[in-house]
Amino acid sequence: MREICFYRTESGREPVREFLDSLQPKQAQRVTWVLSLVEELRVVPRQYFKKLESTEDIWEVRVQSGGNAYRLLGFWDGPQFVVLCHGLTKKTQQLPRREIRTAEERKNDYFRRKGRK
C-alpha cells in the first residue's frame, strides 16, 4: 500500500492542498477518490497514475471530472511514499513543460531540504 503526502515549501505552503481547496466540492471529491485508488491498489491503472516521459522521474495522478482534466504531479520518496508537489487543470493536449519544471524544482527542493535534516 502506498502513502501519499503533499510537498510543503520552506515557508510552509502546500501547493497541492491549495489547488484542491480551489476546486468545486464535486471535483475535489473525484480527485480524492482517485488518490485513494493510488494509495490502495497494488497495480494502479495508467489512466489514473503514470510516469511522465522525458522527466526527472515525475509521476502524474490523472483525474477526469465533468469534462475537465486535473493533474497532480509528484515523485517517489522510497518504494511506497508518493509526494505530490503540483496541481493543475489541464487545458491542452500536452502537459506544458513549465508545469513539469515546477514539479522538478519542487522535487529537488524537497530532497535538498530533506538531506539537511
PDB file of N, CA and C in Angstrom:
ATOM      1  N   MET A   1       0.844  -1.185   0.000  1.00  0.00           N
ATOM      2  CA  MET A   1       0.000   0.000   0.000  1.00  0.00           C
ATOM      3  C   MET A   1       0.888   1.247   0.000  1.00  0.00           C
ATOM      4  N   ARG A   2       0.543   2.203  -0.834  1.00  0.00           N
ATOM      5  CA  ARG A   2       1.296   3.459  -0.916  1.00  0.00           C
ATOM      6  C   ARG A   2       0.751   4.474   0.073  1.00  0.00           C
ATOM      7  N   GLU A   3       1.595   5.432   0.381  1.00  0.00           N
ATOM      8  CA  GLU A   3       1.174   6.571   1.197  1.00  0.00           C
ATOM      9  C   GLU A   3       1.419   7.833   0.382  1.00  0.00           C
ATOM     10  N   ILE A   4       0.447   8.720   0.369  1.00  0.00           N
ATOM     11  CA  ILE A   4       0.563   9.986  -0.354  1.00  0.00           C
ATOM     12  C   ILE A   4       0.685  11.117   0.658  1.00  0.00           C
ATOM     13  N   CYS A   5       1.602  12.024   0.387  1.00  0.00           N
ATOM     14  CA  CYS A   5       1.686  13.241   1.196  1.00  0.00           C
ATOM     15  C   CYS A   5       1.837  14.423   0.243  1.00  0.00           C
ATOM     16  N   PHE A   6       1.680  15.615   0.772  1.00  0.00           N
ATOM     17  CA  PHE A   6       1.801  16.827  -0.021  1.00  0.00           C
ATOM     18  C   PHE A   6       3.111  17.533   0.315  1.00  0.00           C
ATOM     19  N   TYR A   7       3.801  17.930  -0.731  1.00  0.00           N
ATOM     20  CA  TYR A   7       5.024  18.721  -0.601  1.00  0.00           C
ATOM     21  C   TYR A   7       4.701  20.019   0.137  1.00  0.00           C
ATOM     22  N   ARG A   8       5.618  20.432   1.001  1.00  0.00           N
ATOM     23  CA  ARG A   8       5.478  21.687   1.741  1.00  0.00           C
ATOM     24  C   ARG A   8       6.694  22.556   1.425  1.00  0.00           C
ATOM     25  N   THR A   9       6.440  23.806   1.052  1.00  0.00           N
ATOM     26  CA  THR A   9       7.540  24.725   0.760  1.00  0.00           C
ATOM     27  C   THR A   9       8.268  25.071   2.051  1.00  0.00           C
ATOM     28  N   GLU A  10       9.406  25.703   1.896  1.00  0.00           N
ATOM     29  CA  GLU A  10      10.180  26.102   3.075  1.00  0.00           C
ATOM     30  C   GLU A  10       9.384  27.056   3.958  1.00  0.00           C
ATOM     31  N   SER A  11       8.504  27.853   3.337  1.00  0.00           N
ATOM     32  CA  SER A  11       7.687  28.803   4.108  1.00  0.00           C
ATOM     33  C   SER A  11       6.428  28.161   4.690  1.00  0.00           C
ATOM     34  N   GLY A  12       6.199  26.861   4.376  1.00  0.00           N
ATOM     35  CA  GLY A  12       5.057  26.161   4.966  1.00  0.00           C
ATOM     36  C   GLY A  12       3.839  26.020   4.071  1.00  0.00           C
ATOM     37  N   ARG A  13       3.884  26.560   2.858  1.00  0.00           N
ATOM     38  CA  ARG A  13       2.751  26.420   1.924  1.00  0.00           C
ATOM     39  C   ARG A  13       2.673  24.985   1.397  1.00  0.00           C
ATOM     40  N   GLU A  14       1.466  24.544   1.085  1.00  0.00           N
ATOM     41  CA  GLU A  14       1.246  23.246   0.466  1.00  0.00           C
ATOM     42  C   GLU A  14       0.512  23.483  -0.854  1.00  0.00           C
ATOM     43  N   PRO A  15       1.246  23.615  -1.967  1.00  0.00           N
ATOM     44  CA  PRO A  15       0.629  23.963  -3.249  1.00  0.00           C
ATOM     45  C   PRO A  15      -0.472  23.008  -3.702  1.00  0.00           C
ATOM     46  N   VAL A  16      -0.332  21.725  -3.442  1.00  0.00           N
ATOM     47  CA  VAL A  16      -1.363  20.781  -3.880  1.00  0.00           C
ATOM     48  C   VAL A  16      -2.627  20.961  -3.040  1.00  0.00           C
ATOM     49  N   ARG A  17      -2.460  21.148  -1.743  1.00  0.00           N
ATOM     50  CA  ARG A  17      -3.644  21.385  -0.895  1.00  0.00           C
ATOM     51  C   ARG A  17      -4.361  22.665  -1.323  1.00  0.00           C
ATOM     52  N   GLU A  18      -3.594  23.701  -1.653  1.00  0.00           N
ATOM     53  CA  GLU A  18      -4.192  24.956  -2.131  1.00  0.00           C
ATOM     54  C   GLU A  18      -4.950  24.723  -3.437  1.00  0.00           C
ATOM     55  N   PHE A  19      -4.368  23.922  -4.330  1.00  0.00           N
ATOM     56  CA  PHE A  19      -5.046  23.605  -5.587  1.00  0.00           C
ATOM     57  C   PHE A  19      -6.353  22.860  -5.305  1.00  0.00           C
ATOM     58  N   LEU A  20      -6.310  21.853  -4.444  1.00  0.00           N
ATOM     59  CA  LEU A  20      -7.516  21.082  -4.130  1.00  0.00           C
ATOM     60  C   LEU A  20      -8.580  21.956  -3.486  1.00  0.00           C
ATOM     61  N   ASP A  21      -8.153  22.886  -2.628  1.00  0.00           N
ATOM     62  CA  ASP A  21      -9.104  23.792  -1.980  1.00  0.00           C
ATOM     63  C   ASP A  21      -9.780  24.721  -2.984  1.00  0.00           C
ATOM     64  N   SER A  22      -9.152  24.940  -4.146  1.00  0.00           N
ATOM     65  CA  SER A  22      -9.729  25.831  -5.164  1.00  0.00           C
ATOM     66  C   SER A  22     -10.785  25.136  -6.023  1.00  0.00           C
ATOM     67  N   LEU A  23     -10.877  23.812  -5.926  1.00  0.00           N
ATOM     68  CA  LEU A  23     -11.833  23.061  -6.741  1.00  0.00           C
ATOM     69  C   LEU A  23     -13.230  23.100  -6.134  1.00  0.00           C
ATOM     70  N   GLN A  24     -14.227  22.888  -6.994  1.00  0.00           N
ATOM     71  CA  GLN A  24     -15.601  22.738  -6.521  1.00  0.00           C
ATOM     72  C   GLN A  24     -15.692  21.417  -5.743  1.00  0.00           C
ATOM     73  N   PRO A  25     -16.632  21.304  -4.799  1.00  0.00           N
ATOM     74  CA  PRO A  25     -16.716  20.096  -3.972  1.00  0.00           C
ATOM     75  C   PRO A  25     -16.800  18.791  -4.777  1.00  0.00           C
ATOM     76  N   LYS A  26     -17.574  18.757  -5.842  1.00  0.00           N
ATOM     77  CA  LYS A  26     -17.714  17.532  -6.635  1.00  0.00           C
ATOM     78  C   LYS A  26     -16.390  17.171  -7.311  1.00  0.00           C
ATOM     79  N   GLN A  27     -15.671  18.182  -7.793  1.00  0.00           N
ATOM     80  CA  GLN A  27     -14.373  17.945  -8.426  1.00  0.00           C
ATOM     81  C   GLN A  27     -13.363  17.440  -7.394  1.00  0.00           C
ATOM     82  N   ALA A  28     -13.340  18.078  -6.239  1.00  0.00           N
ATOM     83  CA  ALA A  28     -12.424  17.669  -5.174  1.00  0.00           C
ATOM     84  C   ALA A  28     -12.728  16.242  -4.717  1.00  0.00           C
ATOM     85  N   GLN A  29     -13.992  15.881  -4.678  1.00  0.00           N
ATOM     86  CA  GLN A  29     -14.384  14.529  -4.282  1.00  0.00           C
ATOM     87  C   GLN A  29     -13.848  13.510  -5.288  1.00  0.00           C
ATOM     88  N   ARG A  30     -13.924  13.839  -6.565  1.00  0.00           N
ATOM     89  CA  ARG A  30     -13.410  12.935  -7.604  1.00  0.00           C
ATOM     90  C   ARG A  30     -11.883  12.772  -7.464  1.00  0.00           C
ATOM     91  N   VAL A  31     -11.187  13.879  -7.232  1.00  0.00           N
ATOM     92  CA  VAL A  31      -9.735  13.816  -7.050  1.00  0.00           C
ATOM     93  C   VAL A  31      -9.407  12.951  -5.840  1.00  0.00           C
ATOM     94  N   THR A  32     -10.115  13.135  -4.763  1.00  0.00           N
ATOM     95  CA  THR A  32      -9.884  12.348  -3.549  1.00  0.00           C
ATOM     96  C   THR A  32     -10.103  10.864  -3.808  1.00  0.00           C
ATOM     97  N   TRP A  33     -11.118  10.537  -4.599  1.00  0.00           N
ATOM     98  CA  TRP A  33     -11.388   9.143  -4.949  1.00  0.00           C
ATOM     99  C   TRP A  33     -10.215   8.545  -5.719  1.00  0.00           C
ATOM    100  N   VAL A  34      -9.678   9.286  -6.698  1.00  0.00           N
ATOM    101  CA  VAL A  34      -8.540   8.788  -7.472  1.00  0.00           C
ATOM    102  C   VAL A  34      -7.314   8.645  -6.568  1.00  0.00           C
ATOM    103  N   LEU A  35      -7.094   9.593  -5.661  1.00  0.00           N
ATOM    104  CA  LEU A  35      -5.965   9.473  -4.730  1.00  0.00           C
ATOM    105  C   LEU A  35      -6.085   8.214  -3.879  1.00  0.00           C
ATOM    106  N   SER A  36      -7.295   7.866  -3.481  1.00  0.00           N
ATOM    107  CA  SER A  36      -7.475   6.647  -2.686  1.00  0.00           C
ATOM    108  C   SER A  36      -7.145   5.406  -3.527  1.00  0.00           C
ATOM    109  N   LEU A  37      -7.447   5.433  -4.833  1.00  0.00           N
ATOM    110  CA  LEU A  37      -7.051   4.317  -5.706  1.00  0.00           C
ATOM    111  C   LEU A  37      -5.534   4.178  -5.746  1.00  0.00           C
ATOM    112  N   VAL A  38      -4.850   5.305  -5.882  1.00  0.00           N
ATOM    113  CA  VAL A  38      -3.388   5.286  -5.951  1.00  0.00           C
ATOM    114  C   VAL A  38      -2.811   4.715  -4.658  1.00  0.00           C
ATOM    115  N   GLU A  39      -3.411   5.050  -3.543  1.00  0.00           N
ATOM    116  CA  GLU A  39      -2.907   4.535  -2.257  1.00  0.00           C
ATOM    117  C   GLU A  39      -3.226   3.056  -2.060  1.00  0.00           C
ATOM    118  N   GLU A  40      -4.392   2.632  -2.495  1.00  0.00           N
ATOM    119  CA  GLU A  40      -4.880   1.310  -2.104  1.00  0.00           C
ATOM    120  C   GLU A  40      -4.629   0.196  -3.112  1.00  0.00           C
ATOM    121  N   LEU A  41      -4.633   0.488  -4.407  1.00  0.00           N
ATOM    122  CA  LEU A  41      -4.475  -0.568  -5.402  1.00  0.00           C
ATOM    123  C   LEU A  41      -3.009  -0.946  -5.574  1.00  0.00           C
ATOM    124  N   ARG A  42      -2.743  -2.238  -5.615  1.00  0.00           N
ATOM    125  CA  ARG A  42      -1.375  -2.699  -5.830  1.00  0.00           C
ATOM    126  C   ARG A  42      -0.895  -2.286  -7.219  1.00  0.00           C
ATOM    127  N   VAL A  43      -1.754  -2.459  -8.229  1.00  0.00           N
ATOM    128  CA  VAL A  43      -1.454  -2.020  -9.590  1.00  0.00           C
ATOM    129  C   VAL A  43      -2.505  -0.981  -9.976  1.00  0.00           C
ATOM    130  N   VAL A  44      -2.061   0.264 -10.129  1.00  0.00           N
ATOM    131  CA  VAL A  44      -2.978   1.358 -10.453  1.00  0.00           C
ATOM    132  C   VAL A  44      -3.061   1.473 -11.976  1.00  0.00           C
ATOM    133  N   PRO A  45      -4.270   1.495 -12.545  1.00  0.00           N
ATOM    134  CA  PRO A  45      -4.389   1.653 -13.997  1.00  0.00           C
ATOM    135  C   PRO A  45      -3.717   2.946 -14.468  1.00  0.00           C
ATOM    136  N   ARG A  46      -3.070   2.868 -15.637  1.00  0.00           N
ATOM    137  CA  ARG A  46      -2.355   4.019 -16.196  1.00  0.00           C
ATOM    138  C   ARG A  46      -3.266   5.221 -16.428  1.00  0.00           C
ATOM    139  N   GLN A  47      -4.550   4.999 -16.561  1.00  0.00           N
ATOM    140  CA  GLN A  47      -5.446   6.137 -16.764  1.00  0.00           C
ATOM    141  C   GLN A  47      -5.499   7.036 -15.524  1.00  0.00           C
ATOM    142  N   TYR A  48      -5.029   6.511 -14.373  1.00  0.00           N
ATOM    143  CA  TYR A  48      -5.040   7.274 -13.134  1.00  0.00           C
ATOM    144  C   TYR A  48      -3.658   7.671 -12.624  1.00  0.00           C
ATOM    145  N   PHE A  49      -2.631   6.897 -12.981  1.00  0.00           N
ATOM    146  CA  PHE A  49      -1.319   7.130 -12.381  1.00  0.00           C
ATOM    147  C   PHE A  49      -0.247   6.610 -13.322  1.00  0.00           C
ATOM    148  N   LYS A  50       0.639   7.516 -13.767  1.00  0.00           N
ATOM    149  CA  LYS A  50       1.705   7.068 -14.664  1.00  0.00           C
ATOM    150  C   LYS A  50       2.901   8.001 -14.603  1.00  0.00           C
ATOM    151  N   LYS A  51       4.053   7.462 -14.991  1.00  0.00           N
ATOM    152  CA  LYS A  51       5.281   8.248 -15.055  1.00  0.00           C
ATOM    153  C   LYS A  51       5.246   9.098 -16.310  1.00  0.00           C
ATOM    154  N   LEU A  52       5.662  10.350 -16.176  1.00  0.00           N
ATOM    155  CA  LEU A  52       5.758  11.234 -17.341  1.00  0.00           C
ATOM    156  C   LEU A  52       7.073  10.965 -18.054  1.00  0.00           C
ATOM    157  N   GLU A  53       7.005  10.796 -19.342  1.00  0.00           N
ATOM    158  CA  GLU A  53       8.209  10.557 -20.136  1.00  0.00           C
ATOM    159  C   GLU A  53       9.055  11.826 -20.188  1.00  0.00           C
ATOM    160  N   SER A  54      10.342  11.641 -20.360  1.00  0.00           N
ATOM    161  CA  SER A  54      11.299  12.750 -20.510  1.00  0.00           C
ATOM    162  C   SER A  54      11.283  13.702 -19.323  1.00  0.00           C
ATOM    163  N   THR A  55      11.144  13.154 -18.124  1.00  0.00           N
ATOM    164  CA  THR A  55      11.182  13.969 -16.912  1.00  0.00           C
ATOM    165  C   THR A  55      12.189  13.373 -15.945  1.00  0.00           C
ATOM    166  N   GLU A  56      12.468  14.122 -14.886  1.00  0.00           N
ATOM    167  CA  GLU A  56      13.327  13.629 -13.807  1.00  0.00           C
ATOM    168  C   GLU A  56      12.488  12.801 -12.833  1.00  0.00           C
ATOM    169  N   ASP A  57      11.907  11.709 -13.345  1.00  0.00           N
ATOM    170  CA  ASP A  57      11.120  10.773 -12.544  1.00  0.00           C
ATOM    171  C   ASP A  57       9.890  11.437 -11.904  1.00  0.00           C
ATOM    172  N   ILE A  58       9.183  12.234 -12.693  1.00  0.00           N
ATOM    173  CA  ILE A  58       7.937  12.859 -12.239  1.00  0.00           C
ATOM    174  C   ILE A  58       6.773  11.971 -12.667  1.00  0.00           C
ATOM    175  N   TRP A  59       5.846  11.770 -11.754  1.00  0.00           N
ATOM    176  CA  TRP A  59       4.650  10.966 -11.997  1.00  0.00           C
ATOM    177  C   TRP A  59       3.428  11.875 -11.964  1.00  0.00           C
ATOM    178  N   GLU A  60       2.359  11.444 -12.621  1.00  0.00           N
ATOM    179  CA  GLU A  60       1.130  12.236 -12.584  1.00  0.00           C
ATOM    180  C   GLU A  60      -0.049  11.391 -12.153  1.00  0.00           C
ATOM    181  N   VAL A  61      -0.872  11.997 -11.295  1.00  0.00           N
ATOM    182  CA  VAL A  61      -2.172  11.452 -10.945  1.00  0.00           C
ATOM    183  C   VAL A  61      -3.136  12.136 -11.906  1.00  0.00           C
ATOM    184  N   ARG A  62      -3.905  11.327 -12.634  1.00  0.00           N
ATOM    185  CA  ARG A  62      -4.772  11.833 -13.703  1.00  0.00           C
ATOM    186  C   ARG A  62      -6.236  11.711 -13.279  1.00  0.00           C
ATOM    187  N   VAL A  63      -6.957  12.821 -13.348  1.00  0.00           N
ATOM    188  CA  VAL A  63      -8.357  12.833 -12.917  1.00  0.00           C
ATOM    189  C   VAL A  63      -9.207  13.507 -13.991  1.00  0.00           C
ATOM    190  N   GLN A  64     -10.284  12.848 -14.383  1.00  0.00           N
ATOM    191  CA  GLN A  64     -11.280  13.425 -15.285  1.00  0.00           C
ATOM    192  C   GLN A  64     -12.545  13.653 -14.467  1.00  0.00           C
ATOM    193  N   SER A  65     -13.137  14.828 -14.608  1.00  0.00           N
ATOM    194  CA  SER A  65     -14.369  15.122 -13.877  1.00  0.00           C
ATOM    195  C   SER A  65     -15.178  16.150 -14.650  1.00  0.00           C
ATOM    196  N   GLY A  66     -16.341  15.739 -15.115  1.00  0.00           N
ATOM    197  CA  GLY A  66     -17.249  16.667 -15.784  1.00  0.00           C
ATOM    198  C   GLY A  66     -16.626  17.400 -16.962  1.00  0.00           C
ATOM    199  N   GLY A  67     -15.875  16.719 -17.788  1.00  0.00           N
ATOM    200  CA  GLY A  67     -15.255  17.353 -18.944  1.00  0.00           C
ATOM    201  C   GLY A  67     -13.973  18.096 -18.650  1.00  0.00           C
ATOM    202  N   ASN A  68     -13.557  18.132 -17.403  1.00  0.00           N
ATOM    203  CA  ASN A  68     -12.298  18.777 -17.021  1.00  0.00           C
ATOM    204  C   ASN A  68     -11.249  17.717 -16.717  1.00  0.00           C
ATOM    205  N   ALA A  69     -10.001  18.066 -16.980  1.00  0.00           N
ATOM    206  CA  ALA A  69      -8.885  17.172 -16.679  1.00  0.00           C
ATOM    207  C   ALA A  69      -8.005  17.848 -15.637  1.00  0.00           C
ATOM    208  N   TYR A  70      -7.737  17.132 -14.564  1.00  0.00           N
ATOM    209  CA  TYR A  70      -6.883  17.634 -13.487  1.00  0.00           C
ATOM    210  C   TYR A  70      -5.661  16.735 -13.387  1.00  0.00           C
ATOM    211  N   ARG A  71      -4.536  17.347 -13.074  1.00  0.00           N
ATOM    212  CA  ARG A  71      -3.304  16.597 -12.903  1.00  0.00           C
ATOM    213  C   ARG A  71      -2.633  17.014 -11.604  1.00  0.00           C
ATOM    214  N   LEU A  72      -2.189  16.021 -10.862  1.00  0.00           N
ATOM    215  CA  LEU A  72      -1.371  16.241  -9.678  1.00  0.00           C
ATOM    216  C   LEU A  72      -0.030  15.600  -9.982  1.00  0.00           C
ATOM    217  N   LEU A  73       1.029  16.387  -9.920  1.00  0.00           N
ATOM    218  CA  LEU A  73       2.358  15.891 -10.246  1.00  0.00           C
ATOM    219  C   LEU A  73       3.131  15.621  -8.965  1.00  0.00           C
ATOM    220  N   GLY A  74       3.950  14.586  -9.008  1.00  0.00           N
ATOM    221  CA  GLY A  74       4.711  14.244  -7.822  1.00  0.00           C
ATOM    222  C   GLY A  74       5.854  13.311  -8.134  1.00  0.00           C
ATOM    223  N   PHE A  75       6.407  12.720  -7.093  1.00  0.00           N
ATOM    224  CA  PHE A  75       7.587  11.881  -7.204  1.00  0.00           C
ATOM    225  C   PHE A  75       7.595  10.894  -6.050  1.00  0.00           C
ATOM    226  N   TRP A  76       8.464   9.904  -6.171  1.00  0.00           N
ATOM    227  CA  TRP A  76       8.597   8.875  -5.139  1.00  0.00           C
ATOM    228  C   TRP A  76       9.705   9.259  -4.156  1.00  0.00           C
ATOM    229  N   ASP A  77       9.459   8.991  -2.893  1.00  0.00           N
ATOM    230  CA  ASP A  77      10.487   9.077  -1.857  1.00  0.00           C
ATOM    231  C   ASP A  77      10.497   7.709  -1.175  1.00  0.00           C
ATOM    232  N   GLY A  78      11.222   6.782  -1.769  1.00  0.00           N
ATOM    233  CA  GLY A  78      11.215   5.403  -1.297  1.00  0.00           C
ATOM    234  C   GLY A  78      10.204   4.591  -2.084  1.00  0.00           C
ATOM    235  N   PRO A  79      10.061   3.311  -1.747  1.00  0.00           N
ATOM    236  CA  PRO A  79       9.231   2.417  -2.556  1.00  0.00           C
ATOM    237  C   PRO A  79       7.715   2.597  -2.389  1.00  0.00           C
ATOM    238  N   GLN A  80       7.260   3.204  -1.308  1.00  0.00           N
ATOM    239  CA  GLN A  80       5.822   3.297  -1.059  1.00  0.00           C
ATOM    240  C   GLN A  80       5.316   4.704  -0.769  1.00  0.00           C
ATOM    241  N   PHE A  81       6.177   5.711  -0.847  1.00  0.00           N
ATOM    242  CA  PHE A  81       5.831   7.057  -0.414  1.00  0.00           C
ATOM    243  C   PHE A  81       5.807   8.003  -1.610  1.00  0.00           C
ATOM    244  N   VAL A  82       4.617   8.512  -1.971  1.00  0.00           N
ATOM    245  CA  VAL A  82       4.458   9.428  -3.101  1.00  0.00           C
ATOM    246  C   VAL A  82       4.255  10.835  -2.547  1.00  0.00           C
ATOM    247  N   VAL A  83       5.080  11.764  -3.026  1.00  0.00           N
ATOM    248  CA  VAL A  83       4.985  13.165  -2.609  1.00  0.00           C
ATOM    249  C   VAL A  83       4.387  13.956  -3.770  1.00  0.00           C
ATOM    250  N   LEU A  84       3.181  14.478  -3.580  1.00  0.00           N
ATOM    251  CA  LEU A  84       2.550  15.297  -4.614  1.00  0.00           C
ATOM    252  C   LEU A  84       2.963  16.742  -4.399  1.00  0.00           C
ATOM    253  N   CYS A  85       3.434  17.383  -5.490  1.00  0.00           N
ATOM    254  CA  CYS A  85       4.032  18.704  -5.324  1.00  0.00           C
ATOM    255  C   CYS A  85       3.423  19.790  -6.205  1.00  0.00           C
ATOM    256  N   HIS A  86       2.535  19.428  -7.147  1.00  0.00           N
ATOM    257  CA  HIS A  86       1.989  20.444  -8.050  1.00  0.00           C
ATOM    258  C   HIS A  86       0.639  19.974  -8.578  1.00  0.00           C
ATOM    259  N   GLY A  87      -0.335  20.861  -8.608  1.00  0.00           N
ATOM    260  CA  GLY A  87      -1.653  20.539  -9.143  1.00  0.00           C
ATOM    261  C   GLY A  87      -2.047  21.544 -10.203  1.00  0.00           C
ATOM    262  N   LEU A  88      -2.783  21.076 -11.223  1.00  0.00           N
ATOM    263  CA  LEU A  88      -3.210  21.982 -12.286  1.00  0.00           C
ATOM    264  C   LEU A  88      -4.429  21.432 -12.992  1.00  0.00           C
ATOM    265  N   THR A  89      -5.145  22.344 -13.637  1.00  0.00           N
ATOM    266  CA  THR A  89      -6.219  21.975 -14.544  1.00  0.00           C
ATOM    267  C   THR A  89      -5.598  21.904 -15.925  1.00  0.00           C
ATOM    268  N   LYS A  90      -5.726  20.767 -16.563  1.00  0.00           N
ATOM    269  CA  LYS A  90      -5.086  20.560 -17.861  1.00  0.00           C
ATOM    270  C   LYS A  90      -6.001  21.112 -18.942  1.00  0.00           C
ATOM    271  N   LYS A  91      -5.480  22.048 -19.739  1.00  0.00           N
ATOM    272  CA  LYS A  91      -6.285  22.700 -20.767  1.00  0.00           C
ATOM    273  C   LYS A  91      -5.805  22.404 -22.181  1.00  0.00           C
ATOM    274  N   THR A  92      -4.631  21.780 -22.302  1.00  0.00           N
ATOM    275  CA  THR A  92      -4.076  21.480 -23.615  1.00  0.00           C
ATOM    276  C   THR A  92      -3.843  19.976 -23.730  1.00  0.00           C
ATOM    277  N   GLN A  93      -3.617  19.517 -24.952  1.00  0.00           N
ATOM    278  CA  GLN A  93      -3.382  18.092 -25.171  1.00  0.00           C
ATOM    279  C   GLN A  93      -2.148  17.613 -24.412  1.00  0.00           C
ATOM    280  N   GLN A  94      -1.060  18.367 -24.534  1.00  0.00           N
ATOM    281  CA  GLN A  94       0.171  18.010 -23.829  1.00  0.00           C
ATOM    282  C   GLN A  94       0.320  18.850 -22.570  1.00  0.00           C
ATOM    283  N   LEU A  95       0.934  18.246 -21.582  1.00  0.00           N
ATOM    284  CA  LEU A  95       1.213  18.964 -20.344  1.00  0.00           C
ATOM    285  C   LEU A  95       2.289  20.014 -20.625  1.00  0.00           C
ATOM    286  N   PRO A  96       2.033  21.285 -20.321  1.00  0.00           N
ATOM    287  CA  PRO A  96       3.039  22.321 -20.588  1.00  0.00           C
ATOM    288  C   PRO A  96       4.349  22.040 -19.855  1.00  0.00           C
ATOM    289  N   ARG A  97       5.442  22.264 -20.529  1.00  0.00           N
ATOM    290  CA  ARG A  97       6.781  21.996 -19.974  1.00  0.00           C
ATOM    291  C   ARG A  97       7.014  22.790 -18.685  1.00  0.00           C
ATOM    292  N   ARG A  98       6.479  24.005 -18.596  1.00  0.00           N
ATOM    293  CA  ARG A  98       6.696  24.815 -17.383  1.00  0.00           C
ATOM    294  C   ARG A  98       6.063  24.158 -16.155  1.00  0.00           C
ATOM    295  N   GLU A  99       4.966  23.438 -16.350  1.00  0.00           N
ATOM    296  CA  GLU A  99       4.321  22.740 -15.228  1.00  0.00           C
ATOM    297  C   GLU A  99       5.216  21.594 -14.745  1.00  0.00           C
ATOM    298  N   ILE A 100       5.830  20.897 -15.684  1.00  0.00           N
ATOM    299  CA  ILE A 100       6.744  19.813 -15.338  1.00  0.00           C
ATOM    300  C   ILE A 100       7.973  20.373 -14.633  1.00  0.00           C
ATOM    301  N   ARG A 101       8.488  21.498 -15.130  1.00  0.00           N
ATOM    302  CA  ARG A 101       9.648  22.136 -14.488  1.00  0.00           C
ATOM    303  C   ARG A 101       9.341  22.519 -13.048  1.00  0.00           C
ATOM    304  N   THR A 102       8.132  23.027 -12.805  1.00  0.00           N
ATOM    305  CA  THR A 102       7.737  23.379 -11.435  1.00  0.00           C
ATOM    306  C   THR A 102       7.818  22.152 -10.536  1.00  0.00           C
ATOM    307  N   ALA A 103       7.294  21.027 -11.015  1.00  0.00           N
ATOM    308  CA  ALA A 103       7.340  19.789 -10.224  1.00  0.00           C
ATOM    309  C   ALA A 103       8.783  19.339  -9.994  1.00  0.00           C
ATOM    310  N   GLU A 104       9.615  19.428 -11.018  1.00  0.00           N
ATOM    311  CA  GLU A 104      11.015  19.016 -10.876  1.00  0.00           C
ATOM    312  C   GLU A 104      11.762  19.916  -9.887  1.00  0.00           C
ATOM    313  N   GLU A 105      11.485  21.215  -9.933  1.00  0.00           N
ATOM    314  CA  GLU A 105      12.121  22.141  -8.987  1.00  0.00           C
ATOM    315  C   GLU A 105      11.698  21.827  -7.554  1.00  0.00           C
ATOM    316  N   ARG A 106      10.417  21.529  -7.361  1.00  0.00           N
ATOM    317  CA  ARG A 106       9.936  21.212  -6.017  1.00  0.00           C
ATOM    318  C   ARG A 106      10.500  19.882  -5.538  1.00  0.00           C
ATOM    319  N   LYS A 107      10.641  18.927  -6.438  1.00  0.00           N
ATOM    320  CA  LYS A 107      11.266  17.650  -6.077  1.00  0.00           C
ATOM    321  C   LYS A 107      12.704  17.889  -5.610  1.00  0.00           C
ATOM    322  N   ASN A 108      13.463  18.672  -6.364  1.00  0.00           N
ATOM    323  CA  ASN A 108      14.842  18.970  -5.992  1.00  0.00           C
ATOM    324  C   ASN A 108      14.911  19.690  -4.651  1.00  0.00           C
ATOM    325  N   ASP A 109      13.998  20.630  -4.429  1.00  0.00           N
ATOM    326  CA  ASP A 109      13.940  21.353  -3.153  1.00  0.00           C
ATOM    327  C   ASP A 109      13.633  20.390  -1.999  1.00  0.00           C
ATOM    328  N   TYR A 110      12.681  19.503  -2.214  1.00  0.00           N
ATOM    329  CA  TYR A 110      12.287  18.529  -1.193  1.00  0.00           C
ATOM    330  C   TYR A 110      13.488  17.695  -0.744  1.00  0.00           C
ATOM    331  N   PHE A 111      14.220  17.117  -1.709  1.00  0.00           N
ATOM    332  CA  PHE A 111      15.342  16.258  -1.350  1.00  0.00           C
ATOM    333  C   PHE A 111      16.517  17.058  -0.807  1.00  0.00           C
ATOM    334  N   ARG A 112      16.699  18.286  -1.283  1.00  0.00           N
ATOM    335  CA  ARG A 112      17.773  19.137  -0.748  1.00  0.00           C
ATOM    336  C   ARG A 112      17.508  19.422   0.729  1.00  0.00           C
ATOM    337  N   ARG A 113      16.271  19.815   1.046  1.00  0.00           N
ATOM    338  CA  ARG A 113      15.938  20.120   2.441  1.00  0.00           C
ATOM    339  C   ARG A 113      15.902  18.869   3.303  1.00  0.00           C
ATOM    340  N   LYS A 114      15.462  17.765   2.746  1.00  0.00           N
ATOM    341  CA  LYS A 114      15.418  16.501   3.488  1.00  0.00           C
ATOM    342  C   LYS A 114      16.833  16.068   3.873  1.00  0.00           C
ATOM    343  N   GLY A 115      17.797  16.312   2.980  1.00  0.00           N
ATOM    344  CA  GLY A 115      19.188  15.957   3.233  1.00  0.00           C
ATOM    345  C   GLY A 115      19.823  16.776   4.334  1.00  0.00           C
ATOM    346  N   ARG A 116      19.271  17.959   4.614  1.00  0.00           N
ATOM    347  CA  ARG A 116      19.821  18.826   5.668  1.00  0.00           C
ATOM    348  C   ARG A 116      19.383  18.396   7.044  1.00  0.00           C
ATOM    349  N   LYS A 117      18.337  17.591   7.143  1.00  0.00           N
ATOM    350  CA  LYS A 117      17.810  17.226   8.464  1.00  0.00           C
ATOM    351  C   LYS A 117      18.633  16.145   9.108  1.00  0.00           C
TER     352      LYS A 117
END
